[in-house]
């Protein structure tokens, strides 16, 4: 079942301004690395609908490349070459977040210029741990 319908209805959604993306995403990674992740992609075209890109995969990090107007956000999973996965969002125009609560992990939404939304759902980071970064 999709969790995406609940994101836009939350009153505590925080939009991150582009000049804060790099700093915010670095802190988000530090706080949530090791949580298990589910990534849903909701197309802007009603024919595309909802796709689950990955589910129950350890979250390794998220970063943004904004130099020269690039606006690409990278989400990575796994800590070894055998379980590594990367997902990119090109032409990102907005990053929104819901904070970790006592009942759920943090949520991150990345919207691209075409209206596609990539929603990353995380479990509480202490529930699953990746090995320390080398």
N, C-alpha and C. Protein backbone atom coordinates (compact mmCIF):
# COMPACT_ATOMS: atom_id res chain seq x y z
N UNK A 1 0.83 -1.18 0.00
CA UNK A 1 0.00 0.00 0.00
C UNK A 1 0.88 1.25 0.00
N UNK A 2 0.51 2.22 -0.79
CA UNK A 2 1.28 3.45 -0.90
C UNK A 2 1.10 4.32 0.34
N UNK A 3 2.19 4.88 0.77
CA UNK A 3 2.16 5.82 1.88
C UNK A 3 2.09 7.25 1.37
N UNK A 4 2.25 7.44 0.06
CA UNK A 4 2.42 8.77 -0.52
C UNK A 4 1.25 9.70 -0.30
N UNK A 5 0.05 9.20 -0.18
CA UNK A 5 -1.10 10.07 0.02
C UNK A 5 -1.01 10.82 1.34
N UNK A 6 -0.32 10.28 2.32
CA UNK A 6 -0.25 10.92 3.63
C UNK A 6 0.77 12.05 3.67
N UNK A 7 1.74 12.08 2.77
CA UNK A 7 2.80 13.09 2.84
C UNK A 7 2.24 14.50 2.69
N UNK A 8 1.51 14.75 1.64
CA UNK A 8 1.04 16.11 1.37
C UNK A 8 0.02 16.60 2.39
N UNK A 9 -0.57 15.70 3.15
CA UNK A 9 -1.58 16.08 4.13
C UNK A 9 -1.00 16.41 5.50
N UNK A 10 0.29 16.21 5.68
CA UNK A 10 0.93 16.47 6.98
C UNK A 10 1.11 17.97 7.18
N UNK A 11 0.81 18.43 8.37
CA UNK A 11 0.94 19.86 8.67
C UNK A 11 2.37 20.27 8.97
N UNK A 12 3.23 19.31 9.31
CA UNK A 12 4.60 19.65 9.69
C UNK A 12 5.61 19.43 8.56
N UNK A 13 5.16 19.46 7.30
CA UNK A 13 6.06 19.35 6.16
C UNK A 13 6.92 20.61 6.11
N UNK A 14 8.23 20.42 5.97
CA UNK A 14 9.16 21.54 5.89
C UNK A 14 9.78 21.56 4.50
N UNK A 15 9.72 22.70 3.83
CA UNK A 15 10.38 22.85 2.53
C UNK A 15 11.78 23.39 2.77
N UNK A 16 12.76 22.77 2.12
CA UNK A 16 14.16 23.16 2.27
C UNK A 16 14.53 24.06 1.09
N UNK A 17 15.01 25.26 1.37
CA UNK A 17 15.40 26.18 0.30
C UNK A 17 16.67 25.67 -0.39
N UNK A 18 16.77 25.90 -1.68
CA UNK A 18 17.87 25.35 -2.47
C UNK A 18 19.24 25.69 -1.90
N UNK A 19 19.43 26.87 -1.37
CA UNK A 19 20.74 27.23 -0.83
C UNK A 19 21.09 26.42 0.42
N UNK A 20 20.13 25.72 0.98
CA UNK A 20 20.35 24.87 2.16
C UNK A 20 20.43 23.39 1.81
N UNK A 21 20.22 23.00 0.55
CA UNK A 21 20.15 21.59 0.19
C UNK A 21 21.37 20.80 0.62
N UNK A 22 22.56 21.28 0.30
CA UNK A 22 23.79 20.52 0.58
C UNK A 22 23.95 20.30 2.09
N UNK A 23 23.83 21.36 2.86
CA UNK A 23 23.98 21.26 4.32
C UNK A 23 22.88 20.40 4.92
N UNK A 24 21.64 20.63 4.51
CA UNK A 24 20.52 19.86 5.05
C UNK A 24 20.67 18.38 4.74
N UNK A 25 21.00 18.04 3.48
CA UNK A 25 21.09 16.63 3.09
C UNK A 25 22.26 15.93 3.78
N UNK A 26 23.36 16.65 4.03
CA UNK A 26 24.48 16.06 4.77
C UNK A 26 24.04 15.71 6.19
N UNK A 27 23.31 16.60 6.83
CA UNK A 27 22.82 16.35 8.19
C UNK A 27 21.76 15.23 8.18
N UNK A 28 20.88 15.24 7.19
CA UNK A 28 19.86 14.20 7.05
C UNK A 28 20.53 12.83 6.93
N UNK A 29 21.61 12.76 6.15
CA UNK A 29 22.36 11.51 6.00
C UNK A 29 22.95 11.07 7.33
N UNK A 30 23.62 11.99 8.04
CA UNK A 30 24.22 11.66 9.34
C UNK A 30 23.18 11.12 10.32
N UNK A 31 22.01 11.74 10.33
CA UNK A 31 20.97 11.35 11.29
C UNK A 31 20.27 10.04 10.92
N UNK A 32 20.24 9.69 9.64
CA UNK A 32 19.39 8.58 9.20
C UNK A 32 20.13 7.42 8.54
N UNK A 33 21.43 7.52 8.39
CA UNK A 33 22.19 6.45 7.73
C UNK A 33 21.99 5.14 8.48
N UNK A 34 21.65 4.11 7.75
CA UNK A 34 21.42 2.80 8.34
C UNK A 34 19.96 2.43 8.43
N UNK A 35 19.07 3.42 8.33
CA UNK A 35 17.64 3.11 8.35
C UNK A 35 17.28 2.34 7.08
N UNK A 36 16.26 1.51 7.17
CA UNK A 36 15.79 0.85 5.95
C UNK A 36 14.88 1.81 5.21
N UNK A 37 14.94 1.73 3.89
CA UNK A 37 14.29 2.73 3.06
C UNK A 37 13.33 2.12 2.05
N UNK A 38 12.34 2.91 1.72
CA UNK A 38 11.40 2.61 0.63
C UNK A 38 11.36 3.88 -0.21
N UNK A 39 11.52 3.74 -1.52
CA UNK A 39 11.45 4.89 -2.41
C UNK A 39 10.29 4.71 -3.37
N UNK A 40 9.36 5.66 -3.29
CA UNK A 40 8.21 5.67 -4.19
C UNK A 40 8.39 6.81 -5.18
N UNK A 41 8.02 6.56 -6.43
CA UNK A 41 8.07 7.58 -7.46
C UNK A 41 6.65 7.76 -7.98
N UNK A 42 6.18 9.00 -7.90
CA UNK A 42 4.84 9.32 -8.36
C UNK A 42 4.98 10.22 -9.57
N UNK A 43 4.62 9.70 -10.73
CA UNK A 43 4.75 10.46 -11.97
C UNK A 43 3.76 11.60 -12.04
N UNK A 44 4.15 12.63 -12.77
CA UNK A 44 3.27 13.79 -12.94
C UNK A 44 2.15 13.46 -13.93
N UNK A 45 2.39 12.49 -14.78
CA UNK A 45 1.41 12.05 -15.77
C UNK A 45 0.53 10.99 -15.11
N UNK A 46 -0.77 11.14 -15.19
CA UNK A 46 -1.68 10.19 -14.54
C UNK A 46 -1.53 8.78 -15.10
N UNK A 47 -0.96 8.63 -16.30
CA UNK A 47 -0.73 7.31 -16.87
C UNK A 47 0.41 6.58 -16.18
N UNK A 48 1.36 7.33 -15.61
CA UNK A 48 2.52 6.73 -14.97
C UNK A 48 2.16 6.18 -13.60
N UNK A 49 1.48 6.97 -12.79
CA UNK A 49 1.05 6.53 -11.47
C UNK A 49 2.20 6.36 -10.51
N UNK A 50 2.05 5.39 -9.61
CA UNK A 50 3.01 5.13 -8.54
C UNK A 50 3.89 3.94 -8.88
N UNK A 51 5.19 4.11 -8.67
CA UNK A 51 6.15 3.01 -8.82
C UNK A 51 6.97 2.93 -7.55
N UNK A 52 7.28 1.71 -7.12
CA UNK A 52 8.18 1.53 -5.99
C UNK A 52 9.55 1.19 -6.58
N UNK A 53 10.51 2.10 -6.39
CA UNK A 53 11.86 1.92 -6.93
C UNK A 53 12.65 0.89 -6.13
N UNK A 54 12.56 0.98 -4.81
CA UNK A 54 13.23 0.02 -3.94
C UNK A 54 12.49 -0.01 -2.61
N UNK A 55 12.65 -1.13 -1.91
CA UNK A 55 11.95 -1.29 -0.64
C UNK A 55 12.83 -2.11 0.30
N UNK A 56 12.80 -1.74 1.57
CA UNK A 56 13.53 -2.46 2.61
C UNK A 56 15.02 -2.60 2.29
N UNK A 57 15.62 -1.49 1.86
CA UNK A 57 17.05 -1.46 1.53
C UNK A 57 17.72 -0.47 2.46
N UNK A 58 18.91 -0.78 3.00
CA UNK A 58 19.57 0.15 3.92
C UNK A 58 19.96 1.47 3.26
N UNK A 59 19.56 2.56 3.87
CA UNK A 59 19.84 3.90 3.38
C UNK A 59 21.29 4.26 3.70
N UNK A 60 22.03 4.69 2.66
CA UNK A 60 23.42 5.08 2.85
C UNK A 60 23.59 6.59 2.86
N UNK A 61 22.81 7.31 2.04
CA UNK A 61 22.95 8.76 2.04
C UNK A 61 22.20 9.44 0.92
N UNK A 62 22.15 10.76 1.01
CA UNK A 62 21.52 11.59 0.00
C UNK A 62 22.35 12.86 -0.13
N UNK A 63 22.54 13.31 -1.36
CA UNK A 63 23.33 14.52 -1.60
C UNK A 63 22.79 15.24 -2.82
N UNK A 64 23.17 16.50 -2.94
CA UNK A 64 22.71 17.32 -4.07
C UNK A 64 23.90 17.91 -4.80
N UNK A 65 23.77 17.97 -6.12
CA UNK A 65 24.73 18.65 -6.97
C UNK A 65 24.01 19.85 -7.56
N UNK A 66 24.35 21.04 -7.08
CA UNK A 66 23.66 22.24 -7.54
C UNK A 66 24.58 23.20 -8.29
N UNK A 67 25.81 22.78 -8.52
CA UNK A 67 26.73 23.68 -9.22
C UNK A 67 26.30 23.83 -10.68
N UNK A 68 26.54 24.99 -11.22
CA UNK A 68 26.21 25.29 -12.61
C UNK A 68 24.74 25.03 -12.94
N UNK A 69 23.86 25.19 -11.95
CA UNK A 69 22.43 25.00 -12.17
C UNK A 69 22.00 23.56 -12.37
N UNK A 70 22.86 22.61 -11.99
CA UNK A 70 22.61 21.19 -12.23
C UNK A 70 21.35 20.68 -11.52
N UNK A 71 21.21 20.93 -10.21
CA UNK A 71 20.05 20.51 -9.40
C UNK A 71 19.73 19.02 -9.53
N UNK A 72 20.73 18.18 -9.29
CA UNK A 72 20.54 16.73 -9.27
C UNK A 72 20.70 16.25 -7.84
N UNK A 73 19.77 15.41 -7.40
CA UNK A 73 19.82 14.83 -6.07
C UNK A 73 20.08 13.34 -6.22
N UNK A 74 21.04 12.83 -5.45
CA UNK A 74 21.42 11.42 -5.49
C UNK A 74 21.05 10.76 -4.16
N UNK A 75 20.36 9.63 -4.25
CA UNK A 75 20.04 8.83 -3.07
C UNK A 75 20.78 7.51 -3.23
N UNK A 76 21.53 7.10 -2.21
CA UNK A 76 22.28 5.84 -2.29
C UNK A 76 21.86 4.90 -1.18
N UNK A 77 21.96 3.63 -1.50
CA UNK A 77 21.56 2.55 -0.59
C UNK A 77 22.68 1.53 -0.52
N UNK A 78 22.75 0.81 0.60
CA UNK A 78 23.74 -0.26 0.76
C UNK A 78 25.10 0.29 1.12
N UNK A 79 25.96 -0.61 1.61
CA UNK A 79 27.30 -0.17 2.02
C UNK A 79 28.40 -0.98 1.35
N UNK A 80 28.02 -1.98 0.59
CA UNK A 80 29.02 -2.79 -0.11
C UNK A 80 28.71 -2.77 -1.60
N UNK A 81 29.66 -3.19 -2.40
CA UNK A 81 29.44 -3.20 -3.86
C UNK A 81 28.34 -4.17 -4.27
N UNK A 82 28.10 -5.20 -3.48
CA UNK A 82 27.08 -6.17 -3.85
C UNK A 82 25.66 -5.69 -3.56
N UNK A 83 25.49 -4.78 -2.59
CA UNK A 83 24.14 -4.31 -2.30
C UNK A 83 23.94 -2.82 -2.58
N UNK A 84 24.88 -2.20 -3.29
CA UNK A 84 24.82 -0.77 -3.59
C UNK A 84 23.78 -0.47 -4.68
N UNK A 85 23.02 0.61 -4.48
CA UNK A 85 22.06 1.10 -5.46
C UNK A 85 22.05 2.61 -5.37
N UNK A 86 22.02 3.27 -6.51
CA UNK A 86 21.91 4.73 -6.55
C UNK A 86 20.67 5.11 -7.35
N UNK A 87 20.03 6.17 -6.92
CA UNK A 87 18.88 6.71 -7.64
C UNK A 87 19.11 8.21 -7.79
N UNK A 88 18.92 8.74 -8.98
CA UNK A 88 19.12 10.17 -9.19
C UNK A 88 17.81 10.84 -9.58
N UNK A 89 17.69 12.08 -9.13
CA UNK A 89 16.56 12.93 -9.50
C UNK A 89 17.17 14.14 -10.19
N UNK A 90 17.00 14.23 -11.50
CA UNK A 90 17.54 15.35 -12.27
C UNK A 90 16.52 16.48 -12.33
N UNK A 91 17.01 17.70 -12.34
CA UNK A 91 16.13 18.86 -12.43
C UNK A 91 15.26 19.04 -11.20
N UNK A 92 15.81 18.77 -10.03
CA UNK A 92 15.05 18.93 -8.79
C UNK A 92 14.67 20.40 -8.59
N UNK A 93 13.43 20.61 -8.18
CA UNK A 93 12.96 21.98 -7.93
C UNK A 93 12.55 22.18 -6.48
N UNK A 94 12.31 21.08 -5.76
CA UNK A 94 11.90 21.22 -4.36
C UNK A 94 12.32 19.99 -3.57
N UNK A 95 12.72 20.25 -2.32
CA UNK A 95 12.97 19.18 -1.36
C UNK A 95 12.14 19.51 -0.13
N UNK A 96 11.36 18.53 0.29
CA UNK A 96 10.51 18.68 1.47
C UNK A 96 10.79 17.53 2.42
N UNK A 97 10.55 17.74 3.71
CA UNK A 97 10.81 16.69 4.68
C UNK A 97 9.75 16.66 5.77
N UNK A 98 9.57 15.47 6.27
CA UNK A 98 8.80 15.25 7.50
C UNK A 98 9.79 14.67 8.49
N UNK A 99 9.85 15.20 9.70
CA UNK A 99 10.84 14.71 10.66
C UNK A 99 10.49 13.35 11.24
N UNK A 100 11.50 12.74 11.79
CA UNK A 100 11.36 11.49 12.54
C UNK A 100 10.40 11.73 13.71
N UNK A 101 9.52 10.76 13.95
CA UNK A 101 8.63 10.84 15.11
C UNK A 101 8.78 9.56 15.91
N UNK A 102 8.08 9.45 17.01
CA UNK A 102 8.16 8.22 17.81
C UNK A 102 7.50 7.05 17.10
N UNK A 103 6.68 7.32 16.08
CA UNK A 103 5.96 6.26 15.38
C UNK A 103 6.48 5.97 13.97
N UNK A 104 7.31 6.85 13.42
CA UNK A 104 7.80 6.63 12.06
C UNK A 104 9.14 7.31 11.85
N UNK A 105 9.86 6.84 10.84
CA UNK A 105 11.13 7.44 10.48
C UNK A 105 10.92 8.71 9.67
N UNK A 106 12.01 9.35 9.33
CA UNK A 106 11.96 10.58 8.54
C UNK A 106 11.46 10.27 7.12
N UNK A 107 10.92 11.29 6.48
CA UNK A 107 10.43 11.19 5.11
C UNK A 107 11.03 12.36 4.33
N UNK A 108 11.46 12.08 3.10
CA UNK A 108 12.04 13.11 2.24
C UNK A 108 11.34 13.04 0.90
N UNK A 109 10.87 14.20 0.41
CA UNK A 109 10.25 14.26 -0.91
C UNK A 109 11.10 15.16 -1.80
N UNK A 110 11.43 14.66 -2.99
CA UNK A 110 12.20 15.43 -3.96
C UNK A 110 11.33 15.54 -5.20
N UNK A 111 11.01 16.77 -5.57
CA UNK A 111 10.16 17.00 -6.74
C UNK A 111 11.01 17.52 -7.89
N UNK A 112 10.81 16.95 -9.07
CA UNK A 112 11.56 17.39 -10.25
C UNK A 112 10.74 18.39 -11.06
N UNK A 113 11.38 19.03 -12.01
CA UNK A 113 10.75 20.09 -12.80
C UNK A 113 9.50 19.61 -13.54
N UNK A 114 9.44 18.33 -13.89
CA UNK A 114 8.26 17.82 -14.60
C UNK A 114 7.12 17.43 -13.66
N UNK A 115 7.30 17.67 -12.35
CA UNK A 115 6.26 17.38 -11.38
C UNK A 115 6.34 16.00 -10.76
N UNK A 116 7.29 15.17 -11.21
CA UNK A 116 7.46 13.85 -10.61
C UNK A 116 7.95 14.00 -9.18
N UNK A 117 7.38 13.20 -8.28
CA UNK A 117 7.78 13.24 -6.88
C UNK A 117 8.44 11.92 -6.50
N UNK A 118 9.61 12.01 -5.89
CA UNK A 118 10.36 10.87 -5.36
C UNK A 118 10.26 10.97 -3.85
N UNK A 119 9.60 9.99 -3.22
CA UNK A 119 9.38 10.06 -1.78
C UNK A 119 10.12 8.92 -1.11
N UNK A 120 11.05 9.31 -0.24
CA UNK A 120 11.89 8.38 0.50
C UNK A 120 11.35 8.24 1.91
N UNK A 121 10.93 7.03 2.27
CA UNK A 121 10.44 6.72 3.61
C UNK A 121 11.51 5.93 4.35
N UNK A 122 11.82 6.34 5.57
CA UNK A 122 12.86 5.67 6.35
C UNK A 122 12.28 5.13 7.65
N UNK A 123 12.85 4.01 8.10
CA UNK A 123 12.56 3.54 9.44
C UNK A 123 13.43 4.32 10.40
N UNK A 124 13.21 4.17 11.68
CA UNK A 124 14.08 4.82 12.66
C UNK A 124 15.50 4.28 12.47
N UNK A 125 16.52 5.14 12.42
CA UNK A 125 17.87 4.69 12.12
C UNK A 125 18.43 3.68 13.11
N UNK A 126 18.01 3.72 14.35
CA UNK A 126 18.55 2.76 15.30
C UNK A 126 17.99 1.35 15.09
N UNK A 127 16.94 1.22 14.28
CA UNK A 127 16.36 -0.09 14.03
C UNK A 127 17.27 -0.96 13.15
N UNK A 128 18.05 -0.34 12.27
CA UNK A 128 18.94 -1.06 11.37
C UNK A 128 20.22 -0.24 11.25
N UNK A 129 21.34 -0.88 11.35
CA UNK A 129 22.60 -0.13 11.29
C UNK A 129 23.48 -0.65 10.16
N UNK A 130 24.01 0.25 9.40
CA UNK A 130 25.05 -0.07 8.43
C UNK A 130 26.38 0.04 9.15
N UNK A 131 27.40 -0.60 8.62
CA UNK A 131 28.72 -0.42 9.22
C UNK A 131 29.14 1.05 9.10
N UNK A 132 30.01 1.52 9.99
CA UNK A 132 30.47 2.89 9.93
C UNK A 132 31.10 3.21 8.57
N UNK A 133 30.97 4.47 8.16
CA UNK A 133 31.60 4.91 6.90
C UNK A 133 33.10 4.77 7.00
N UNK A 134 33.72 4.39 5.90
CA UNK A 134 35.20 4.30 5.92
C UNK A 134 35.84 5.50 5.30
